[in-house]
Amino acid sequence: MKHIETRDLLAICYSAFGALYIVGTTFINIPVNNHRVVDTVLGFVLGTIISTIIGFYFGSSKGSSDKNSMIKNKD
């Protein structure tokens, strides 16, 4: 069984939370008084959580991690 690193587990959990929140806010009726709170949390989810995870796994952090692995394996 492969060991799952903590950062991978956190990314999975945050992604699941983000997806569930987006689906929930789309299909569940939100009381009018709570629209601003829901909008704020949705902006946070889309603006930080998801973009940070995508940026890490597909952006410069992933390339840096691959480079470090290549250097480590070269020795």
PDB file of N, CA and C in Angstrom:
ATOM      1  N   MET A   1       0.837  -1.173   0.000  1.00  0.00           N
ATOM      2  CA  MET A   1       0.000   0.000   0.000  1.00  0.00           C
ATOM      3  C   MET A   1       0.885   1.240   0.000  1.00  0.00           C
ATOM      4  N   LYS A   2       0.590   2.149  -0.881  1.00  0.00           N
ATOM      5  CA  LYS A   2       1.385   3.369  -1.012  1.00  0.00           C
ATOM      6  C   LYS A   2       1.063   4.336   0.124  1.00  0.00           C
ATOM      7  N   HIS A   3       2.105   4.958   0.659  1.00  0.00           N
ATOM      8  CA  HIS A   3       1.950   5.941   1.716  1.00  0.00           C
ATOM      9  C   HIS A   3       1.489   7.272   1.113  1.00  0.00           C
ATOM     10  N   ILE A   4       0.428   7.836   1.662  1.00  0.00           N
ATOM     11  CA  ILE A   4      -0.074   9.124   1.194  1.00  0.00           C
ATOM     12  C   ILE A   4       0.535  10.217   2.059  1.00  0.00           C
ATOM     13  N   GLU A   5       1.181  11.179   1.421  1.00  0.00           N
ATOM     14  CA  GLU A   5       1.786  12.274   2.160  1.00  0.00           C
ATOM     15  C   GLU A   5       0.706  13.206   2.698  1.00  0.00           C
ATOM     16  N   THR A   6       1.040  13.909   3.769  1.00  0.00           N
ATOM     17  CA  THR A   6       0.084  14.802   4.412  1.00  0.00           C
ATOM     18  C   THR A   6      -0.404  15.877   3.454  1.00  0.00           C
ATOM     19  N   ARG A   7       0.484  16.454   2.655  1.00  0.00           N
ATOM     20  CA  ARG A   7       0.062  17.516   1.740  1.00  0.00           C
ATOM     21  C   ARG A   7      -0.901  16.982   0.680  1.00  0.00           C
ATOM     22  N   ASP A   8      -0.707  15.737   0.255  1.00  0.00           N
ATOM     23  CA  ASP A   8      -1.624  15.152  -0.711  1.00  0.00           C
ATOM     24  C   ASP A   8      -2.994  14.909  -0.080  1.00  0.00           C
ATOM     25  N   LEU A   9      -2.995  14.428   1.162  1.00  0.00           N
ATOM     26  CA  LEU A   9      -4.245  14.190   1.868  1.00  0.00           C
ATOM     27  C   LEU A   9      -4.997  15.498   2.102  1.00  0.00           C
ATOM     28  N   LEU A  10      -4.272  16.542   2.499  1.00  0.00           N
ATOM     29  CA  LEU A  10      -4.910  17.842   2.689  1.00  0.00           C
ATOM     30  C   LEU A  10      -5.467  18.385   1.377  1.00  0.00           C
ATOM     31  N   ALA A  11      -4.738  18.208   0.298  1.00  0.00           N
ATOM     32  CA  ALA A  11      -5.221  18.662  -1.012  1.00  0.00           C
ATOM     33  C   ALA A  11      -6.505  17.930  -1.398  1.00  0.00           C
ATOM     34  N   ILE A  12      -6.555  16.644  -1.117  1.00  0.00           N
ATOM     35  CA  ILE A  12      -7.764  15.862  -1.416  1.00  0.00           C
ATOM     36  C   ILE A  12      -8.938  16.347  -0.570  1.00  0.00           C
ATOM     37  N   CYS A  13      -8.688  16.569   0.714  1.00  0.00           N
ATOM     38  CA  CYS A  13      -9.757  17.028   1.612  1.00  0.00           C
ATOM     39  C   CYS A  13     -10.255  18.413   1.232  1.00  0.00           C
ATOM     40  N   TYR A  14      -9.343  19.335   0.969  1.00  0.00           N
ATOM     41  CA  TYR A  14      -9.745  20.688   0.588  1.00  0.00           C
ATOM     42  C   TYR A  14     -10.462  20.693  -0.760  1.00  0.00           C
ATOM     43  N   SER A  15     -10.019  19.855  -1.669  1.00  0.00           N
ATOM     44  CA  SER A  15     -10.693  19.768  -2.968  1.00  0.00           C
ATOM     45  C   SER A  15     -12.101  19.211  -2.809  1.00  0.00           C
ATOM     46  N   ALA A  16     -12.239  18.190  -1.972  1.00  0.00           N
ATOM     47  CA  ALA A  16     -13.564  17.611  -1.721  1.00  0.00           C
ATOM     48  C   ALA A  16     -14.476  18.643  -1.062  1.00  0.00           C
ATOM     49  N   PHE A  17     -13.945  19.377  -0.076  1.00  0.00           N
ATOM     50  CA  PHE A  17     -14.738  20.424   0.573  1.00  0.00           C
ATOM     51  C   PHE A  17     -15.164  21.477  -0.440  1.00  0.00           C
ATOM     52  N   GLY A  18     -14.231  21.922  -1.265  1.00  0.00           N
ATOM     53  CA  GLY A  18     -14.543  22.932  -2.272  1.00  0.00           C
ATOM     54  C   GLY A  18     -15.605  22.463  -3.240  1.00  0.00           C
ATOM     55  N   ALA A  19     -15.471  21.232  -3.709  1.00  0.00           N
ATOM     56  CA  ALA A  19     -16.448  20.692  -4.654  1.00  0.00           C
ATOM     57  C   ALA A  19     -17.822  20.552  -4.003  1.00  0.00           C
ATOM     58  N   LEU A  20     -17.855  20.046  -2.778  1.00  0.00           N
ATOM     59  CA  LEU A  20     -19.133  19.897  -2.080  1.00  0.00           C
ATOM     60  C   LEU A  20     -19.778  21.255  -1.801  1.00  0.00           C
ATOM     61  N   TYR A  21     -18.957  22.235  -1.457  1.00  0.00           N
ATOM     62  CA  TYR A  21     -19.498  23.572  -1.190  1.00  0.00           C
ATOM     63  C   TYR A  21     -20.084  24.184  -2.455  1.00  0.00           C
ATOM     64  N   ILE A  22     -19.376  24.045  -3.557  1.00  0.00           N
ATOM     65  CA  ILE A  22     -19.866  24.591  -4.831  1.00  0.00           C
ATOM     66  C   ILE A  22     -21.163  23.901  -5.241  1.00  0.00           C
ATOM     67  N   VAL A  23     -21.196  22.583  -5.148  1.00  0.00           N
ATOM     68  CA  VAL A  23     -22.414  21.840  -5.491  1.00  0.00           C
ATOM     69  C   VAL A  23     -23.543  22.210  -4.536  1.00  0.00           C
ATOM     70  N   GLY A  24     -23.207  22.302  -3.240  1.00  0.00           N
ATOM     71  CA  GLY A  24     -24.231  22.645  -2.252  1.00  0.00           C
ATOM     72  C   GLY A  24     -24.831  24.014  -2.472  1.00  0.00           C
ATOM     73  N   THR A  25     -23.984  24.993  -2.745  1.00  0.00           N
ATOM     74  CA  THR A  25     -24.512  26.351  -2.959  1.00  0.00           C
ATOM     75  C   THR A  25     -25.249  26.483  -4.285  1.00  0.00           C
ATOM     76  N   THR A  26     -24.978  25.582  -5.196  1.00  0.00           N
ATOM     77  CA  THR A  26     -25.665  25.621  -6.484  1.00  0.00           C
ATOM     78  C   THR A  26     -27.072  25.035  -6.387  1.00  0.00           C
ATOM     79  N   PHE A  27     -27.224  23.937  -5.656  1.00  0.00           N
ATOM     80  CA  PHE A  27     -28.488  23.204  -5.665  1.00  0.00           C
ATOM     81  C   PHE A  27     -29.341  23.356  -4.406  1.00  0.00           C
ATOM     82  N   ILE A  28     -28.800  23.972  -3.354  1.00  0.00           N
ATOM     83  CA  ILE A  28     -29.566  24.158  -2.121  1.00  0.00           C
ATOM     84  C   ILE A  28     -30.037  25.609  -2.071  1.00  0.00           C
ATOM     85  N   ASN A  29     -31.280  25.799  -1.690  1.00  0.00           N
ATOM     86  CA  ASN A  29     -31.817  27.151  -1.556  1.00  0.00           C
ATOM     87  C   ASN A  29     -31.185  27.829  -0.344  1.00  0.00           C
ATOM     88  N   ILE A  30     -30.587  28.976  -0.572  1.00  0.00           N
ATOM     89  CA  ILE A  30     -29.929  29.750   0.476  1.00  0.00           C
ATOM     90  C   ILE A  30     -30.873  30.879   0.896  1.00  0.00           C
ATOM     91  N   PRO A  31     -31.088  31.053   2.202  1.00  0.00           N
ATOM     92  CA  PRO A  31     -31.919  32.188   2.639  1.00  0.00           C
ATOM     93  C   PRO A  31     -31.313  33.522   2.180  1.00  0.00           C
ATOM     94  N   VAL A  32     -32.158  34.461   1.872  1.00  0.00           N
ATOM     95  CA  VAL A  32     -31.719  35.750   1.323  1.00  0.00           C
ATOM     96  C   VAL A  32     -30.741  36.444   2.280  1.00  0.00           C
ATOM     97  N   ASN A  33     -30.961  36.324   3.564  1.00  0.00           N
ATOM     98  CA  ASN A  33     -30.079  36.977   4.543  1.00  0.00           C
ATOM     99  C   ASN A  33     -28.668  36.404   4.531  1.00  0.00           C
ATOM    100  N   ASN A  34     -28.480  35.214   4.030  1.00  0.00           N
ATOM    101  CA  ASN A  34     -27.171  34.556   4.054  1.00  0.00           C
ATOM    102  C   ASN A  34     -26.433  34.605   2.725  1.00  0.00           C
ATOM    103  N   HIS A  35     -26.977  35.259   1.735  1.00  0.00           N
ATOM    104  CA  HIS A  35     -26.343  35.291   0.407  1.00  0.00           C
ATOM    105  C   HIS A  35     -24.934  35.869   0.457  1.00  0.00           C
ATOM    106  N   ARG A  36     -24.735  36.935   1.210  1.00  0.00           N
ATOM    107  CA  ARG A  36     -23.406  37.572   1.271  1.00  0.00           C
ATOM    108  C   ARG A  36     -22.382  36.650   1.909  1.00  0.00           C
ATOM    109  N   VAL A  37     -22.767  35.938   2.943  1.00  0.00           N
ATOM    110  CA  VAL A  37     -21.836  35.003   3.603  1.00  0.00           C
ATOM    111  C   VAL A  37     -21.471  33.882   2.642  1.00  0.00           C
ATOM    112  N   VAL A  38     -22.461  33.345   1.964  1.00  0.00           N
ATOM    113  CA  VAL A  38     -22.220  32.256   1.012  1.00  0.00           C
ATOM    114  C   VAL A  38     -21.333  32.747  -0.130  1.00  0.00           C
ATOM    115  N   ASP A  39     -21.577  33.950  -0.621  1.00  0.00           N
ATOM    116  CA  ASP A  39     -20.747  34.518  -1.689  1.00  0.00           C
ATOM    117  C   ASP A  39     -19.308  34.721  -1.241  1.00  0.00           C
ATOM    118  N   THR A  40     -19.134  35.185  -0.005  1.00  0.00           N
ATOM    119  CA  THR A  40     -17.789  35.412   0.519  1.00  0.00           C
ATOM    120  C   THR A  40     -17.023  34.104   0.644  1.00  0.00           C
ATOM    121  N   VAL A  41     -17.662  33.086   1.202  1.00  0.00           N
ATOM    122  CA  VAL A  41     -17.002  31.789   1.355  1.00  0.00           C
ATOM    123  C   VAL A  41     -16.725  31.171  -0.012  1.00  0.00           C
ATOM    124  N   LEU A  42     -17.648  31.299  -0.939  1.00  0.00           N
ATOM    125  CA  LEU A  42     -17.433  30.776  -2.283  1.00  0.00           C
ATOM    126  C   LEU A  42     -16.254  31.463  -2.960  1.00  0.00           C
ATOM    127  N   GLY A  43     -16.144  32.770  -2.796  1.00  0.00           N
ATOM    128  CA  GLY A  43     -14.992  33.493  -3.337  1.00  0.00           C
ATOM    129  C   GLY A  43     -13.691  33.027  -2.711  1.00  0.00           C
ATOM    130  N   PHE A  44     -13.721  32.758  -1.413  1.00  0.00           N
ATOM    131  CA  PHE A  44     -12.532  32.246  -0.736  1.00  0.00           C
ATOM    132  C   PHE A  44     -12.161  30.871  -1.269  1.00  0.00           C
ATOM    133  N   VAL A  45     -13.153  30.008  -1.412  1.00  0.00           N
ATOM    134  CA  VAL A  45     -12.898  28.647  -1.906  1.00  0.00           C
ATOM    135  C   VAL A  45     -12.306  28.692  -3.308  1.00  0.00           C
ATOM    136  N   LEU A  46     -12.916  29.460  -4.190  1.00  0.00           N
ATOM    137  CA  LEU A  46     -12.438  29.529  -5.569  1.00  0.00           C
ATOM    138  C   LEU A  46     -11.133  30.307  -5.685  1.00  0.00           C
ATOM    139  N   GLY A  47     -11.005  31.353  -4.907  1.00  0.00           N
ATOM    140  CA  GLY A  47      -9.849  32.231  -5.046  1.00  0.00           C
ATOM    141  C   GLY A  47      -8.594  31.750  -4.363  1.00  0.00           C
ATOM    142  N   THR A  48      -8.732  30.991  -3.304  1.00  0.00           N
ATOM    143  CA  THR A  48      -7.530  30.590  -2.576  1.00  0.00           C
ATOM    144  C   THR A  48      -7.317  29.090  -2.549  1.00  0.00           C
ATOM    145  N   ILE A  49      -8.274  28.372  -2.044  1.00  0.00           N
ATOM    146  CA  ILE A  49      -8.069  26.937  -1.853  1.00  0.00           C
ATOM    147  C   ILE A  49      -7.793  26.236  -3.178  1.00  0.00           C
ATOM    148  N   ILE A  50      -8.700  26.350  -4.111  1.00  0.00           N
ATOM    149  CA  ILE A  50      -8.563  25.615  -5.371  1.00  0.00           C
ATOM    150  C   ILE A  50      -7.398  26.136  -6.197  1.00  0.00           C
ATOM    151  N   SER A  51      -7.242  27.455  -6.289  1.00  0.00           N
ATOM    152  CA  SER A  51      -6.147  27.987  -7.103  1.00  0.00           C
ATOM    153  C   SER A  51      -4.780  27.656  -6.495  1.00  0.00           C
ATOM    154  N   THR A  52      -4.682  27.618  -5.181  1.00  0.00           N
ATOM    155  CA  THR A  52      -3.416  27.256  -4.542  1.00  0.00           C
ATOM    156  C   THR A  52      -3.069  25.800  -4.791  1.00  0.00           C
ATOM    157  N   ILE A  53      -4.051  24.936  -4.688  1.00  0.00           N
ATOM    158  CA  ILE A  53      -3.805  23.506  -4.940  1.00  0.00           C
ATOM    159  C   ILE A  53      -3.397  23.285  -6.389  1.00  0.00           C
ATOM    160  N   ILE A  54      -4.115  23.888  -7.315  1.00  0.00           N
ATOM    161  CA  ILE A  54      -3.766  23.750  -8.731  1.00  0.00           C
ATOM    162  C   ILE A  54      -2.390  24.337  -8.998  1.00  0.00           C
ATOM    163  N   GLY A  55      -2.118  25.504  -8.428  1.00  0.00           N
ATOM    164  CA  GLY A  55      -0.813  26.131  -8.610  1.00  0.00           C
ATOM    165  C   GLY A  55       0.320  25.280  -8.073  1.00  0.00           C
ATOM    166  N   PHE A  56       0.096  24.622  -6.958  1.00  0.00           N
ATOM    167  CA  PHE A  56       1.149  23.789  -6.383  1.00  0.00           C
ATOM    168  C   PHE A  56       1.406  22.555  -7.236  1.00  0.00           C
ATOM    169  N   TYR A  57       0.351  21.837  -7.583  1.00  0.00           N
ATOM    170  CA  TYR A  57       0.538  20.564  -8.283  1.00  0.00           C
ATOM    171  C   TYR A  57       0.868  20.706  -9.767  1.00  0.00           C
ATOM    172  N   PHE A  58       0.490  21.819 -10.373  1.00  0.00           N
ATOM    173  CA  PHE A  58       0.737  21.978 -11.804  1.00  0.00           C
ATOM    174  C   PHE A  58       1.608  23.178 -12.132  1.00  0.00           C
ATOM    175  N   GLY A  59       1.964  23.977 -11.146  1.00  0.00           N
ATOM    176  CA  GLY A  59       2.729  25.189 -11.383  1.00  0.00           C
ATOM    177  C   GLY A  59       4.194  25.030 -11.056  1.00  0.00           C
ATOM    178  N   SER A  60       4.796  26.118 -10.630  1.00  0.00           N
ATOM    179  CA  SER A  60       6.239  26.143 -10.401  1.00  0.00           C
ATOM    180  C   SER A  60       6.669  25.254  -9.247  1.00  0.00           C
ATOM    181  N   SER A  61       5.819  25.056  -8.239  1.00  0.00           N
ATOM    182  CA  SER A  61       6.189  24.185  -7.126  1.00  0.00           C
ATOM    183  C   SER A  61       6.363  22.747  -7.596  1.00  0.00           C
ATOM    184  N   LYS A  62       5.522  22.307  -8.512  1.00  0.00           N
ATOM    185  CA  LYS A  62       5.635  20.952  -9.060  1.00  0.00           C
ATOM    186  C   LYS A  62       6.927  20.814  -9.853  1.00  0.00           C
ATOM    187  N   GLY A  63       7.243  21.830 -10.661  1.00  0.00           N
ATOM    188  CA  GLY A  63       8.484  21.795 -11.433  1.00  0.00           C
ATOM    189  C   GLY A  63       9.699  21.811 -10.532  1.00  0.00           C
ATOM    190  N   SER A  64       9.638  22.586  -9.478  1.00  0.00           N
ATOM    191  CA  SER A  64      10.738  22.646  -8.522  1.00  0.00           C
ATOM    192  C   SER A  64      10.903  21.311  -7.813  1.00  0.00           C
ATOM    193  N   SER A  65       9.800  20.693  -7.452  1.00  0.00           N
ATOM    194  CA  SER A  65       9.844  19.390  -6.795  1.00  0.00           C
ATOM    195  C   SER A  65      10.413  18.327  -7.734  1.00  0.00           C
ATOM    196  N   ASP A  66      10.002  18.363  -9.000  1.00  0.00           N
ATOM    197  CA  ASP A  66      10.539  17.421  -9.989  1.00  0.00           C
ATOM    198  C   ASP A  66      12.032  17.619 -10.177  1.00  0.00           C
ATOM    199  N   LYS A  67      12.472  18.874 -10.216  1.00  0.00           N
ATOM    200  CA  LYS A  67      13.889  19.174 -10.372  1.00  0.00           C
ATOM    201  C   LYS A  67      14.683  18.635  -9.183  1.00  0.00           C
ATOM    202  N   ASN A  68      14.164  18.837  -7.977  1.00  0.00           N
ATOM    203  CA  ASN A  68      14.846  18.334  -6.790  1.00  0.00           C
ATOM    204  C   ASN A  68      14.941  16.817  -6.795  1.00  0.00           C
ATOM    205  N   SER A  69      13.871  16.149  -7.233  1.00  0.00           N
ATOM    206  CA  SER A  69      13.886  14.692  -7.331  1.00  0.00           C
ATOM    207  C   SER A  69      14.913  14.217  -8.349  1.00  0.00           C
ATOM    208  N   MET A  70      14.998  14.910  -9.483  1.00  0.00           N
ATOM    209  CA  MET A  70      15.956  14.542 -10.521  1.00  0.00           C
ATOM    210  C   MET A  70      17.387  14.710 -10.016  1.00  0.00           C
ATOM    211  N   ILE A  71      17.642  15.792  -9.296  1.00  0.00           N
ATOM    212  CA  ILE A  71      18.994  16.022  -8.746  1.00  0.00           C
ATOM    213  C   ILE A  71      19.315  14.964  -7.703  1.00  0.00           C
ATOM    214  N   LYS A  72      18.346  14.629  -6.891  1.00  0.00           N
ATOM    215  CA  LYS A  72      18.537  13.629  -5.837  1.00  0.00           C
ATOM    216  C   LYS A  72      18.833  12.249  -6.453  1.00  0.00           C
ATOM    217  N   ASN A  73      18.123  11.893  -7.519  1.00  0.00           N
ATOM    218  CA  ASN A  73      18.329  10.605  -8.167  1.00  0.00           C
ATOM    219  C   ASN A  73      19.613  10.554  -8.973  1.00  0.00           C
ATOM    220  N   LYS A  74      20.116  11.708  -9.370  1.00  0.00           N
ATOM    221  CA  LYS A  74      21.342  11.760 -10.164  1.00  0.00           C
ATOM    222  C   LYS A  74      22.566  11.359  -9.332  1.00  0.00           C
ATOM    223  N   ASP A  75      22.508  11.724  -8.048  1.00  0.00           N
ATOM    224  CA  ASP A  75      23.645  11.423  -7.160  1.00  0.00           C
ATOM    225  C   ASP A  75      23.717   9.989  -6.867  1.00  0.00           C
TER     226      ASP A  75
END
